Amino acid sequence: MNSLPLKENLKKYTCITDCPVRNIISRFSGKWAILILCVLSENETTRFNTISKAIPDISPKVLTETLKNLEADGLISRKVYAEIPPKVEYSLTALGKSLLPIIETLITWALDNFTAITRNRHS
């Protein structure tokens, strides 16, 4: 997989700002980002309240923060319409859509292994 010596492989994870693994995975280490991307994948465009209803245990503050992070990373786009009240829609970008097969693989793995993992937690 990688021809670097083990010591060099381990060292590459220590640089907080430049390590791609730490940097990218940190955006998805919480429970919300992947769920939001899943909700957005179900429609061409999705409004804030629709996302909030689909994930009822996320606070508006955390939803807003997570959407901003996903937008800053280029995974989603935000379109504001000049209406009163303002209408805002979110959608996946091409980069965000390219992440969906990986998320779908993770979801399949989670579904296939959920029973075993929960059983291990209680043993």
PDB file of N, CA and C in Angstrom:
ATOM      1  N   MET A   1       0.824  -1.178   0.000  1.00  0.00           N
ATOM      2  CA  MET A   1       0.000   0.000   0.000  1.00  0.00           C
ATOM      3  C   MET A   1       0.876   1.253   0.000  1.00  0.00           C
ATOM      4  N   ASN A   2       1.853   1.306   0.870  1.00  0.00           N
ATOM      5  CA  ASN A   2       2.687   2.483   0.993  1.00  0.00           C
ATOM      6  C   ASN A   2       4.117   2.017   1.216  1.00  0.00           C
ATOM      7  N   SER A   3       5.052   2.611   0.498  1.00  0.00           N
ATOM      8  CA  SER A   3       6.433   2.153   0.594  1.00  0.00           C
ATOM      9  C   SER A   3       7.243   2.872   1.666  1.00  0.00           C
ATOM     10  N   LEU A   4       6.635   3.780   2.393  1.00  0.00           N
ATOM     11  CA  LEU A   4       7.344   4.471   3.470  1.00  0.00           C
ATOM     12  C   LEU A   4       7.608   3.520   4.633  1.00  0.00           C
ATOM     13  N   PRO A   5       8.748   3.678   5.312  1.00  0.00           N
ATOM     14  CA  PRO A   5       9.001   2.876   6.521  1.00  0.00           C
ATOM     15  C   PRO A   5       7.935   3.164   7.572  1.00  0.00           C
ATOM     16  N   LEU A   6       7.714   2.213   8.464  1.00  0.00           N
ATOM     17  CA  LEU A   6       6.678   2.346   9.496  1.00  0.00           C
ATOM     18  C   LEU A   6       6.834   3.634  10.282  1.00  0.00           C
ATOM     19  N   LYS A   7       8.059   3.975  10.681  1.00  0.00           N
ATOM     20  CA  LYS A   7       8.280   5.196  11.454  1.00  0.00           C
ATOM     21  C   LYS A   7       7.802   6.424  10.685  1.00  0.00           C
ATOM     22  N   GLU A   8       8.055   6.485   9.385  1.00  0.00           N
ATOM     23  CA  GLU A   8       7.616   7.613   8.557  1.00  0.00           C
ATOM     24  C   GLU A   8       6.096   7.611   8.394  1.00  0.00           C
ATOM     25  N   ASN A   9       5.492   6.435   8.255  1.00  0.00           N
ATOM     26  CA  ASN A   9       4.030   6.350   8.157  1.00  0.00           C
ATOM     27  C   ASN A   9       3.365   6.893   9.405  1.00  0.00           C
ATOM     28  N   LEU A  10       3.881   6.536  10.572  1.00  0.00           N
ATOM     29  CA  LEU A  10       3.309   7.018  11.821  1.00  0.00           C
ATOM     30  C   LEU A  10       3.538   8.510  11.986  1.00  0.00           C
ATOM     31  N   LYS A  11       4.679   8.987  11.560  1.00  0.00           N
ATOM     32  CA  LYS A  11       5.024  10.398  11.682  1.00  0.00           C
ATOM     33  C   LYS A  11       4.073  11.273  10.864  1.00  0.00           C
ATOM     34  N   LYS A  12       3.632  10.786   9.717  1.00  0.00           N
ATOM     35  CA  LYS A  12       2.789  11.619   8.858  1.00  0.00           C
ATOM     36  C   LYS A  12       1.451  11.952   9.516  1.00  0.00           C
ATOM     37  N   TYR A  13       1.014  11.194  10.497  1.00  0.00           N
ATOM     38  CA  TYR A  13      -0.249  11.461  11.178  1.00  0.00           C
ATOM     39  C   TYR A  13      -0.110  12.490  12.299  1.00  0.00           C
ATOM     40  N   THR A  14       1.116  12.870  12.630  1.00  0.00           N
ATOM     41  CA  THR A  14       1.321  13.776  13.758  1.00  0.00           C
ATOM     42  C   THR A  14       1.140  15.249  13.407  1.00  0.00           C
ATOM     43  N   CYS A  15       1.227  15.590  12.140  1.00  0.00           N
ATOM     44  CA  CYS A  15       1.070  16.982  11.730  1.00  0.00           C
ATOM     45  C   CYS A  15      -0.425  17.293  11.610  1.00  0.00           C
ATOM     46  N   ILE A  16      -0.936  17.984  12.591  1.00  0.00           N
ATOM     47  CA  ILE A  16      -2.381  18.218  12.694  1.00  0.00           C
ATOM     48  C   ILE A  16      -2.949  18.941  11.483  1.00  0.00           C
ATOM     49  N   THR A  17      -2.288  19.957  11.004  1.00  0.00           N
ATOM     50  CA  THR A  17      -2.856  20.756   9.917  1.00  0.00           C
ATOM     51  C   THR A  17      -2.627  20.172   8.537  1.00  0.00           C
ATOM     52  N   ASP A  18      -1.536  19.429   8.337  1.00  0.00           N
ATOM     53  CA  ASP A  18      -1.195  18.949   7.004  1.00  0.00           C
ATOM     54  C   ASP A  18      -1.531  17.489   6.738  1.00  0.00           C
ATOM     55  N   CYS A  19      -1.949  16.756   7.740  1.00  0.00           N
ATOM     56  CA  CYS A  19      -2.263  15.348   7.541  1.00  0.00           C
ATOM     57  C   CYS A  19      -3.646  15.219   6.894  1.00  0.00           C
ATOM     58  N   PRO A  20      -3.730  14.724   5.661  1.00  0.00           N
ATOM     59  CA  PRO A  20      -5.031  14.590   5.006  1.00  0.00           C
ATOM     60  C   PRO A  20      -5.996  13.707   5.783  1.00  0.00           C
ATOM     61  N   VAL A  21      -5.504  12.648   6.374  1.00  0.00           N
ATOM     62  CA  VAL A  21      -6.378  11.737   7.104  1.00  0.00           C
ATOM     63  C   VAL A  21      -7.000  12.450   8.297  1.00  0.00           C
ATOM     64  N   ARG A  22      -6.179  13.063   9.130  1.00  0.00           N
ATOM     65  CA  ARG A  22      -6.707  13.777  10.308  1.00  0.00           C
ATOM     66  C   ARG A  22      -7.603  14.929   9.902  1.00  0.00           C
ATOM     67  N   ASN A  23      -7.173  15.684   8.907  1.00  0.00           N
ATOM     68  CA  ASN A  23      -7.888  16.877   8.493  1.00  0.00           C
ATOM     69  C   ASN A  23      -9.272  16.557   7.928  1.00  0.00           C
ATOM     70  N   ILE A  24      -9.348  15.620   7.028  1.00  0.00           N
ATOM     71  CA  ILE A  24     -10.622  15.293   6.381  1.00  0.00           C
ATOM     72  C   ILE A  24     -11.521  14.482   7.305  1.00  0.00           C
ATOM     73  N   ILE A  25     -10.986  13.458   7.940  1.00  0.00           N
ATOM     74  CA  ILE A  25     -11.795  12.600   8.799  1.00  0.00           C
ATOM     75  C   ILE A  25     -12.355  13.372   9.982  1.00  0.00           C
ATOM     76  N   SER A  26     -11.656  14.384  10.457  1.00  0.00           N
ATOM     77  CA  SER A  26     -12.164  15.151  11.590  1.00  0.00           C
ATOM     78  C   SER A  26     -13.501  15.806  11.274  1.00  0.00           C
ATOM     79  N   ARG A  27     -13.750  16.127  10.023  1.00  0.00           N
ATOM     80  CA  ARG A  27     -15.035  16.728   9.634  1.00  0.00           C
ATOM     81  C   ARG A  27     -16.180  15.731   9.742  1.00  0.00           C
ATOM     82  N   PHE A  28     -15.852  14.439   9.676  1.00  0.00           N
ATOM     83  CA  PHE A  28     -16.884  13.406   9.702  1.00  0.00           C
ATOM     84  C   PHE A  28     -16.883  12.588  10.978  1.00  0.00           C
ATOM     85  N   SER A  29     -16.037  12.961  11.927  1.00  0.00           N
ATOM     86  CA  SER A  29     -15.932  12.158  13.137  1.00  0.00           C
ATOM     87  C   SER A  29     -17.154  12.305  14.039  1.00  0.00           C
ATOM     88  N   GLY A  30     -17.889  13.367  13.896  1.00  0.00           N
ATOM     89  CA  GLY A  30     -19.141  13.517  14.637  1.00  0.00           C
ATOM     90  C   GLY A  30     -20.252  12.757  13.936  1.00  0.00           C
ATOM     91  N   LYS A  31     -21.400  12.715  14.574  1.00  0.00           N
ATOM     92  CA  LYS A  31     -22.490  11.935  13.992  1.00  0.00           C
ATOM     93  C   LYS A  31     -23.322  12.705  12.985  1.00  0.00           C
ATOM     94  N   TRP A  32     -23.139  14.012  12.865  1.00  0.00           N
ATOM     95  CA  TRP A  32     -24.071  14.808  12.072  1.00  0.00           C
ATOM     96  C   TRP A  32     -23.717  14.943  10.606  1.00  0.00           C
ATOM     97  N   ALA A  33     -22.463  15.137  10.262  1.00  0.00           N
ATOM     98  CA  ALA A  33     -22.080  15.434   8.880  1.00  0.00           C
ATOM     99  C   ALA A  33     -22.540  14.340   7.913  1.00  0.00           C
ATOM    100  N   ILE A  34     -22.267  13.105   8.251  1.00  0.00           N
ATOM    101  CA  ILE A  34     -22.643  12.009   7.357  1.00  0.00           C
ATOM    102  C   ILE A  34     -24.166  11.914   7.252  1.00  0.00           C
ATOM    103  N   LEU A  35     -24.868  12.086   8.365  1.00  0.00           N
ATOM    104  CA  LEU A  35     -26.327  12.052   8.313  1.00  0.00           C
ATOM    105  C   LEU A  35     -26.885  13.173   7.440  1.00  0.00           C
ATOM    106  N   ILE A  36     -26.318  14.362   7.552  1.00  0.00           N
ATOM    107  CA  ILE A  36     -26.768  15.489   6.736  1.00  0.00           C
ATOM    108  C   ILE A  36     -26.515  15.202   5.257  1.00  0.00           C
ATOM    109  N   LEU A  37     -25.357  14.664   4.932  1.00  0.00           N
ATOM    110  CA  LEU A  37     -25.067  14.321   3.543  1.00  0.00           C
ATOM    111  C   LEU A  37     -26.046  13.274   3.018  1.00  0.00           C
ATOM    112  N   CYS A  38     -26.418  12.325   3.865  1.00  0.00           N
ATOM    113  CA  CYS A  38     -27.412  11.317   3.469  1.00  0.00           C
ATOM    114  C   CYS A  38     -28.763  11.973   3.178  1.00  0.00           C
ATOM    115  N   VAL A  39     -29.188  12.886   4.036  1.00  0.00           N
ATOM    116  CA  VAL A  39     -30.458  13.588   3.819  1.00  0.00           C
ATOM    117  C   VAL A  39     -30.397  14.374   2.509  1.00  0.00           C
ATOM    118  N   LEU A  40     -29.306  15.089   2.289  1.00  0.00           N
ATOM    119  CA  LEU A  40     -29.174  15.878   1.069  1.00  0.00           C
ATOM    120  C   LEU A  40     -29.123  15.009  -0.184  1.00  0.00           C
ATOM    121  N   SER A  41     -28.640  13.793  -0.049  1.00  0.00           N
ATOM    122  CA  SER A  41     -28.549  12.905  -1.212  1.00  0.00           C
ATOM    123  C   SER A  41     -29.912  12.423  -1.687  1.00  0.00           C
ATOM    124  N   GLU A  42     -30.920  12.558  -0.850  1.00  0.00           N
ATOM    125  CA  GLU A  42     -32.248  12.061  -1.197  1.00  0.00           C
ATOM    126  C   GLU A  42     -33.043  13.018  -2.076  1.00  0.00           C
ATOM    127  N   ASN A  43     -32.611  14.279  -2.175  1.00  0.00           N
ATOM    128  CA  ASN A  43     -33.320  15.277  -2.976  1.00  0.00           C
ATOM    129  C   ASN A  43     -32.315  16.131  -3.732  1.00  0.00           C
ATOM    130  N   GLU A  44     -32.766  16.733  -4.806  1.00  0.00           N
ATOM    131  CA  GLU A  44     -31.913  17.653  -5.558  1.00  0.00           C
ATOM    132  C   GLU A  44     -31.538  18.857  -4.692  1.00  0.00           C
ATOM    133  N   THR A  45     -32.540  19.429  -4.008  1.00  0.00           N
ATOM    134  CA  THR A  45     -32.319  20.528  -3.075  1.00  0.00           C
ATOM    135  C   THR A  45     -33.118  20.255  -1.806  1.00  0.00           C
ATOM    136  N   THR A  46     -32.624  20.759  -0.692  1.00  0.00           N
ATOM    137  CA  THR A  46     -33.276  20.523   0.595  1.00  0.00           C
ATOM    138  C   THR A  46     -33.187  21.789   1.433  1.00  0.00           C
ATOM    139  N   ARG A  47     -34.290  22.123   2.073  1.00  0.00           N
ATOM    140  CA  ARG A  47     -34.327  23.302   2.931  1.00  0.00           C
ATOM    141  C   ARG A  47     -33.902  22.933   4.355  1.00  0.00           C
ATOM    142  N   PHE A  48     -33.487  23.950   5.096  1.00  0.00           N
ATOM    143  CA  PHE A  48     -33.001  23.785   6.467  1.00  0.00           C
ATOM    144  C   PHE A  48     -34.013  23.019   7.321  1.00  0.00           C
ATOM    145  N   ASN A  49     -35.276  23.440   7.293  1.00  0.00           N
ATOM    146  CA  ASN A  49     -36.294  22.795   8.131  1.00  0.00           C
ATOM    147  C   ASN A  49     -36.507  21.332   7.764  1.00  0.00           C
ATOM    148  N   THR A  50     -36.355  21.001   6.499  1.00  0.00           N
ATOM    149  CA  THR A  50     -36.486  19.600   6.076  1.00  0.00           C
ATOM    150  C   THR A  50     -35.357  18.762   6.663  1.00  0.00           C
ATOM    151  N   ILE A  51     -34.152  19.307   6.647  1.00  0.00           N
ATOM    152  CA  ILE A  51     -33.015  18.597   7.251  1.00  0.00           C
ATOM    153  C   ILE A  51     -33.249  18.442   8.747  1.00  0.00           C
ATOM    154  N   SER A  52     -33.706  19.514   9.368  1.00  0.00           N
ATOM    155  CA  SER A  52     -33.963  19.503  10.805  1.00  0.00           C
ATOM    156  C   SER A  52     -35.024  18.462  11.178  1.00  0.00           C
ATOM    157  N   LYS A  53     -36.060  18.339  10.383  1.00  0.00           N
ATOM    158  CA  LYS A  53     -37.107  17.337  10.648  1.00  0.00           C
ATOM    159  C   LYS A  53     -36.611  15.922  10.408  1.00  0.00           C
ATOM    160  N   ALA A  54     -35.730  15.757   9.430  1.00  0.00           N
ATOM    161  CA  ALA A  54     -35.188  14.423   9.134  1.00  0.00           C
ATOM    162  C   ALA A  54     -34.233  13.946  10.225  1.00  0.00           C
ATOM    163  N   ILE A  55     -33.581  14.906  10.903  1.00  0.00           N
ATOM    164  CA  ILE A  55     -32.652  14.597  11.999  1.00  0.00           C
ATOM    165  C   ILE A  55     -33.120  15.388  13.217  1.00  0.00           C
ATOM    166  N   PRO A  56     -34.184  14.928  13.873  1.00  0.00           N
ATOM    167  CA  PRO A  56     -34.816  15.745  14.919  1.00  0.00           C
ATOM    168  C   PRO A  56     -33.977  15.974  16.170  1.00  0.00           C
ATOM    169  N   ASP A  57     -32.944  15.180  16.396  1.00  0.00           N
ATOM    170  CA  ASP A  57     -32.164  15.358  17.619  1.00  0.00           C
ATOM    171  C   ASP A  57     -30.950  16.278  17.436  1.00  0.00           C
ATOM    172  N   ILE A  58     -30.840  16.934  16.282  1.00  0.00           N
ATOM    173  CA  ILE A  58     -29.773  17.906  16.089  1.00  0.00           C
ATOM    174  C   ILE A  58     -30.318  19.300  16.412  1.00  0.00           C
ATOM    175  N   SER A  59     -29.555  20.071  17.141  1.00  0.00           N
ATOM    176  CA  SER A  59     -29.999  21.419  17.484  1.00  0.00           C
ATOM    177  C   SER A  59     -29.821  22.333  16.270  1.00  0.00           C
ATOM    178  N   PRO A  60     -30.615  23.390  16.175  1.00  0.00           N
ATOM    179  CA  PRO A  60     -30.451  24.330  15.059  1.00  0.00           C
ATOM    180  C   PRO A  60     -29.034  24.909  14.984  1.00  0.00           C
ATOM    181  N   LYS A  61     -28.433  25.178  16.133  1.00  0.00           N
ATOM    182  CA  LYS A  61     -27.078  25.730  16.162  1.00  0.00           C
ATOM    183  C   LYS A  61     -26.071  24.749  15.563  1.00  0.00           C
ATOM    184  N   VAL A  62     -26.159  23.488  15.961  1.00  0.00           N
ATOM    185  CA  VAL A  62     -25.219  22.482  15.470  1.00  0.00           C
ATOM    186  C   VAL A  62     -25.481  22.194  13.990  1.00  0.00           C
ATOM    187  N   LEU A  63     -26.738  22.185  13.593  1.00  0.00           N
ATOM    188  CA  LEU A  63     -27.068  21.979  12.182  1.00  0.00           C
ATOM    189  C   LEU A  63     -26.469  23.107  11.342  1.00  0.00           C
ATOM    190  N   THR A  64     -26.643  24.338  11.782  1.00  0.00           N
ATOM    191  CA  THR A  64     -26.096  25.494  11.067  1.00  0.00           C
ATOM    192  C   THR A  64     -24.580  25.392  10.963  1.00  0.00           C
ATOM    193  N   GLU A  65     -23.934  25.074  12.071  1.00  0.00           N
ATOM    194  CA  GLU A  65     -22.467  24.956  12.097  1.00  0.00           C
ATOM    195  C   GLU A  65     -21.982  23.846  11.162  1.00  0.00           C
ATOM    196  N   THR A  66     -22.657  22.711  11.193  1.00  0.00           N
ATOM    197  CA  THR A  66     -22.250  21.585  10.351  1.00  0.00           C
ATOM    198  C   THR A  66     -22.461  21.905   8.879  1.00  0.00           C
ATOM    199  N   LEU A  67     -23.581  22.556   8.556  1.00  0.00           N
ATOM    200  CA  LEU A  67     -23.827  22.962   7.164  1.00  0.00           C
ATOM    201  C   LEU A  67     -22.748  23.936   6.697  1.00  0.00           C
ATOM    202  N   LYS A  68     -22.355  24.874   7.541  1.00  0.00           N
ATOM    203  CA  LYS A  68     -21.301  25.822   7.179  1.00  0.00           C
ATOM    204  C   LYS A  68     -19.978  25.103   6.920  1.00  0.00           C
ATOM    205  N   ASN A  69     -19.647  24.127   7.756  1.00  0.00           N
ATOM    206  CA  ASN A  69     -18.412  23.357   7.561  1.00  0.00           C
ATOM    207  C   ASN A  69     -18.448  22.571   6.255  1.00  0.00           C
ATOM    208  N   LEU A  70     -19.578  21.939   5.986  1.00  0.00           N
ATOM    209  CA  LEU A  70     -19.709  21.159   4.749  1.00  0.00           C
ATOM    210  C   LEU A  70     -19.627  22.076   3.528  1.00  0.00           C
ATOM    211  N   GLU A  71     -20.199  23.268   3.648  1.00  0.00           N
ATOM    212  CA  GLU A  71     -20.121  24.234   2.555  1.00  0.00           C
ATOM    213  C   GLU A  71     -18.682  24.730   2.382  1.00  0.00           C
ATOM    214  N   ALA A  72     -18.010  25.025   3.481  1.00  0.00           N
ATOM    215  CA  ALA A  72     -16.625  25.488   3.426  1.00  0.00           C
ATOM    216  C   ALA A  72     -15.709  24.443   2.783  1.00  0.00           C
ATOM    217  N   ASP A  73     -16.021  23.171   2.987  1.00  0.00           N
ATOM    218  CA  ASP A  73     -15.235  22.092   2.398  1.00  0.00           C
ATOM    219  C   ASP A  73     -15.602  21.839   0.940  1.00  0.00           C
ATOM    220  N   GLY A  74     -16.656  22.490   0.453  1.00  0.00           N
ATOM    221  CA  GLY A  74     -17.072  22.320  -0.928  1.00  0.00           C
ATOM    222  C   GLY A  74     -17.922  21.094  -1.176  1.00  0.00           C
ATOM    223  N   LEU A  75     -18.452  20.499  -0.098  1.00  0.00           N
ATOM    224  CA  LEU A  75     -19.274  19.287  -0.254  1.00  0.00           C
ATOM    225  C   LEU A  75     -20.737  19.614  -0.518  1.00  0.00           C
ATOM    226  N   ILE A  76     -21.181  20.770  -0.067  1.00  0.00           N
ATOM    227  CA  ILE A  76     -22.553  21.191  -0.319  1.00  0.00           C
ATOM    228  C   ILE A  76     -22.543  22.636  -0.802  1.00  0.00           C
ATOM    229  N   SER A  77     -23.637  23.002  -1.458  1.00  0.00           N
ATOM    230  CA  SER A  77     -23.799  24.406  -1.842  1.00  0.00           C
ATOM    231  C   SER A  77     -25.049  24.939  -1.165  1.00  0.00           C
ATOM    232  N   ARG A  78     -25.043  26.240  -0.968  1.00  0.00           N
ATOM    233  CA  ARG A  78     -26.134  26.930  -0.287  1.00  0.00           C
ATOM    234  C   ARG A  78     -26.628  28.020  -1.216  1.00  0.00           C
ATOM    235  N   LYS A  79     -27.920  27.994  -1.488  1.00  0.00           N
ATOM    236  CA  LYS A  79     -28.503  29.005  -2.362  1.00  0.00           C
ATOM    237  C   LYS A  79     -29.560  29.769  -1.580  1.00  0.00           C
ATOM    238  N   VAL A  80     -29.396  31.097  -1.538  1.00  0.00           N
ATOM    239  CA  VAL A  80     -30.326  31.970  -0.830  1.00  0.00           C
ATOM    240  C   VAL A  80     -31.171  32.697  -1.869  1.00  0.00           C
ATOM    241  N   TYR A  81     -32.482  32.644  -1.673  1.00  0.00           N
ATOM    242  CA  TYR A  81     -33.412  33.341  -2.555  1.00  0.00           C
ATOM    243  C   TYR A  81     -33.828  34.651  -1.894  1.00  0.00           C
ATOM    244  N   ALA A  82     -33.915  35.687  -2.699  1.00  0.00           N
ATOM    245  CA  ALA A  82     -34.283  37.019  -2.191  1.00  0.00           C
ATOM    246  C   ALA A  82     -35.792  37.078  -1.988  1.00  0.00           C
ATOM    247  N   GLU A  83     -36.238  36.487  -0.923  1.00  0.00           N
ATOM    248  CA  GLU A  83     -37.660  36.455  -0.568  1.00  0.00           C
ATOM    249  C   GLU A  83     -37.795  36.837   0.897  1.00  0.00           C
ATOM    250  N   ILE A  84     -39.016  37.149   1.282  1.00  0.00           N
ATOM    251  CA  ILE A  84     -39.292  37.402   2.696  1.00  0.00           C
ATOM    252  C   ILE A  84     -40.400  36.445   3.106  1.00  0.00           C
ATOM    253  N   PRO A  85     -40.164  35.565   4.054  1.00  0.00           N
ATOM    254  CA  PRO A  85     -38.882  35.310   4.718  1.00  0.00           C
ATOM    255  C   PRO A  85     -37.876  34.695   3.742  1.00  0.00           C
ATOM    256  N   PRO A  86     -36.592  34.822   4.027  1.00  0.00           N
ATOM    257  CA  PRO A  86     -35.578  34.284   3.125  1.00  0.00           C
ATOM    258  C   PRO A  86     -35.732  32.771   2.953  1.00  0.00           C
ATOM    259  N   LYS A  87     -35.549  32.329   1.734  1.00  0.00           N
ATOM    260  CA  LYS A  87     -35.597  30.902   1.427  1.00  0.00           C
ATOM    261  C   LYS A  87     -34.164  30.458   1.138  1.00  0.00           C
ATOM    262  N   VAL A  88     -33.728  29.401   1.821  1.00  0.00           N
ATOM    263  CA  VAL A  88     -32.377  28.876   1.644  1.00  0.00           C
ATOM    264  C   VAL A  88     -32.487  27.396   1.313  1.00  0.00           C
ATOM    265  N   GLU A  89     -31.769  26.986   0.271  1.00  0.00           N
ATOM    266  CA  GLU A  89     -31.753  25.576  -0.112  1.00  0.00           C
ATOM    267  C   GLU A  89     -30.312  25.071  -0.141  1.00  0.00           C
ATOM    268  N   TYR A  90     -30.170  23.826   0.247  1.00  0.00           N
ATOM    269  CA  TYR A  90     -28.866  23.173   0.255  1.00  0.00           C
ATOM    270  C   TYR A  90     -28.891  22.019  -0.726  1.00  0.00           C
ATOM    271  N   SER A  91     -27.747  21.768  -1.354  1.00  0.00           N
ATOM    272  CA  SER A  91     -27.632  20.630  -2.259  1.00  0.00           C
ATOM    273  C   SER A  91     -26.191  20.139  -2.258  1.00  0.00           C
ATOM    274  N   LEU A  92     -26.024  18.915  -2.691  1.00  0.00           N
ATOM    275  CA  LEU A  92     -24.684  18.347  -2.793  1.00  0.00           C
ATOM    276  C   LEU A  92     -23.979  18.913  -4.015  1.00  0.00           C
ATOM    277  N   THR A  93     -22.701  19.174  -3.884  1.00  0.00           N
ATOM    278  CA  THR A  93     -21.872  19.547  -5.023  1.00  0.00           C
ATOM    279  C   THR A  93     -21.373  18.263  -5.686  1.00  0.00           C
ATOM    280  N   ALA A  94     -20.662  18.409  -6.780  1.00  0.00           N
ATOM    281  CA  ALA A  94     -20.060  17.234  -7.427  1.00  0.00           C
ATOM    282  C   ALA A  94     -19.099  16.534  -6.469  1.00  0.00           C
ATOM    283  N   LEU A  95     -18.352  17.329  -5.691  1.00  0.00           N
ATOM    284  CA  LEU A  95     -17.440  16.744  -4.708  1.00  0.00           C
ATOM    285  C   LEU A  95     -18.214  15.973  -3.643  1.00  0.00           C
ATOM    286  N   GLY A  96     -19.319  16.549  -3.174  1.00  0.00           N
ATOM    287  CA  GLY A  96     -20.158  15.868  -2.188  1.00  0.00           C
ATOM    288  C   GLY A  96     -20.750  14.581  -2.743  1.00  0.00           C
ATOM    289  N   LYS A  97     -21.197  14.640  -3.987  1.00  0.00           N
ATOM    290  CA  LYS A  97     -21.757  13.431  -4.626  1.00  0.00           C
ATOM    291  C   LYS A  97     -20.703  12.350  -4.785  1.00  0.00           C
ATOM    292  N   SER A  98     -19.443  12.759  -4.992  1.00  0.00           N
ATOM    293  CA  SER A  98     -18.372  11.763  -5.137  1.00  0.00           C
ATOM    294  C   SER A  98     -18.106  11.017  -3.842  1.00  0.00           C
ATOM    295  N   LEU A  99     -18.541  11.578  -2.715  1.00  0.00           N
ATOM    296  CA  LEU A  99     -18.369  10.938  -1.404  1.00  0.00           C
ATOM    297  C   LEU A  99     -19.471   9.911  -1.121  1.00  0.00           C
ATOM    298  N   LEU A 100     -20.589  10.008  -1.827  1.00  0.00           N
ATOM    299  CA  LEU A 100     -21.732   9.135  -1.546  1.00  0.00           C
ATOM    300  C   LEU A 100     -21.435   7.636  -1.645  1.00  0.00           C
ATOM    301  N   PRO A 101     -20.704   7.163  -2.659  1.00  0.00           N
ATOM    302  CA  PRO A 101     -20.415   5.718  -2.686  1.00  0.00           C
ATOM    303  C   PRO A 101     -19.666   5.235  -1.444  1.00  0.00           C
ATOM    304  N   ILE A 102     -18.796   6.078  -0.908  1.00  0.00           N
ATOM    305  CA  ILE A 102     -18.055   5.714   0.302  1.00  0.00           C
ATOM    306  C   ILE A 102     -18.997   5.672   1.501  1.00  0.00           C
ATOM    307  N   ILE A 103     -19.878   6.653   1.595  1.00  0.00           N
ATOM    308  CA  ILE A 103     -20.865   6.678   2.683  1.00  0.00           C
ATOM    309  C   ILE A 103     -21.796   5.476   2.566  1.00  0.00           C
ATOM    310  N   GLU A 104     -22.231   5.159   1.353  1.00  0.00           N
ATOM    311  CA  GLU A 104     -23.114   4.003   1.150  1.00  0.00           C
ATOM    312  C   GLU A 104     -22.425   2.710   1.564  1.00  0.00           C
ATOM    313  N   THR A 105     -21.131   2.600   1.284  1.00  0.00           N
ATOM    314  CA  THR A 105     -20.367   1.423   1.719  1.00  0.00           C
ATOM    315  C   THR A 105     -20.320   1.354   3.243  1.00  0.00           C
ATOM    316  N   LEU A 106     -20.103   2.487   3.886  1.00  0.00           N
ATOM    317  CA  LEU A 106     -20.082   2.545   5.348  1.00  0.00           C
ATOM    318  C   LEU A 106     -21.449   2.176   5.927  1.00  0.00           C
ATOM    319  N   ILE A 107     -22.520   2.669   5.316  1.00  0.00           N
ATOM    320  CA  ILE A 107     -23.873   2.342   5.774  1.00  0.00           C
ATOM    321  C   ILE A 107     -24.126   0.845   5.642  1.00  0.00           C
ATOM    322  N   THR A 108     -23.745   0.274   4.519  1.00  0.00           N
ATOM    323  CA  THR A 108     -23.923  -1.171   4.315  1.00  0.00           C
ATOM    324  C   THR A 108     -23.145  -1.953   5.365  1.00  0.00           C
ATOM    325  N   TRP A 109     -21.900  -1.531   5.615  1.00  0.00           N
ATOM    326  CA  TRP A 109     -21.093  -2.199   6.634  1.00  0.00           C
ATOM    327  C   TRP A 109     -21.761  -2.090   8.004  1.00  0.00           C
ATOM    328  N   ALA A 110     -22.261  -0.895   8.330  1.00  0.00           N
ATOM    329  CA  ALA A 110     -22.920  -0.687   9.629  1.00  0.00           C
ATOM    330  C   ALA A 110     -24.151  -1.586   9.761  1.00  0.00           C
ATOM    331  N   LEU A 111     -24.959  -1.656   8.722  1.00  0.00           N
ATOM    332  CA  LEU A 111     -26.149  -2.510   8.764  1.00  0.00           C
ATOM    333  C   LEU A 111     -25.773  -3.980   8.916  1.00  0.00           C
ATOM    334  N   ASP A 112     -24.742  -4.402   8.199  1.00  0.00           N
ATOM    335  CA  ASP A 112     -24.313  -5.803   8.253  1.00  0.00           C
ATOM    336  C   ASP A 112     -23.701  -6.178   9.606  1.00  0.00           C
ATOM    337  N   ASN A 113     -23.124  -5.222  10.303  1.00  0.00           N
ATOM    338  CA  ASN A 113     -22.375  -5.533  11.522  1.00  0.00           C
ATOM    339  C   ASN A 113     -22.962  -4.951  12.802  1.00  0.00           C
ATOM    340  N   PHE A 114     -24.088  -4.272  12.695  1.00  0.00           N
ATOM    341  CA  PHE A 114     -24.684  -3.612  13.852  1.00  0.00           C
ATOM    342  C   PHE A 114     -24.974  -4.590  14.997  1.00  0.00           C
ATOM    343  N   THR A 115     -25.564  -5.711  14.693  1.00  0.00           N
ATOM    344  CA  THR A 115     -25.917  -6.687  15.730  1.00  0.00           C
ATOM    345  C   THR A 115     -24.667  -7.192  16.455  1.00  0.00           C
ATOM    346  N   ALA A 116     -23.648  -7.526  15.703  1.00  0.00           N
ATOM    347  CA  ALA A 116     -22.417  -8.032  16.322  1.00  0.00           C
ATOM    348  C   ALA A 116     -21.740  -6.967  17.170  1.00  0.00           C
ATOM    349  N   ILE A 117     -21.711  -5.764  16.699  1.00  0.00           N
ATOM    350  CA  ILE A 117     -21.059  -4.687  17.448  1.00  0.00           C
ATOM    351  C   ILE A 117     -21.823  -4.377  18.739  1.00  0.00           C
ATOM    352  N   THR A 118     -23.141  -4.269  18.648  1.00  0.00           N
ATOM    353  CA  THR A 118     -23.911  -3.992  19.864  1.00  0.00           C
ATOM    354  C   THR A 118     -23.814  -5.156  20.851  1.00  0.00           C
ATOM    355  N   ARG A 119     -23.745  -6.359  20.354  1.00  0.00           N
ATOM    356  CA  ARG A 119     -23.574  -7.530  21.227  1.00  0.00           C
ATOM    357  C   ARG A 119     -22.217  -7.448  21.914  1.00  0.00           C
ATOM    358  N   ASN A 120     -21.172  -7.068  21.188  1.00  0.00           N
ATOM    359  CA  ASN A 120     -19.829  -6.932  21.777  1.00  0.00           C
ATOM    360  C   ASN A 120     -19.777  -5.840  22.831  1.00  0.00           C
ATOM    361  N   ARG A 121     -20.534  -4.780  22.640  1.00  0.00           N
ATOM    362  CA  ARG A 121     -20.552  -3.690  23.622  1.00  0.00           C
ATOM    363  C   ARG A 121     -21.160  -4.144  24.951  1.00  0.00           C
ATOM    364  N   HIS A 122     -22.064  -5.080  24.885  1.00  0.00           N
ATOM    365  CA  HIS A 122     -22.775  -5.517  26.098  1.00  0.00           C
ATOM    366  C   HIS A 122     -22.175  -6.782  26.708  1.00  0.00           C
ATOM    367  N   SER A 123     -21.054  -7.253  26.158  1.00  0.00           N
ATOM    368  CA  SER A 123     -20.469  -8.468  26.737  1.00  0.00           C
ATOM    369  C   SER A 123     -19.261  -8.172  27.581  1.00  0.00           C
TER     370      SER A 123
END
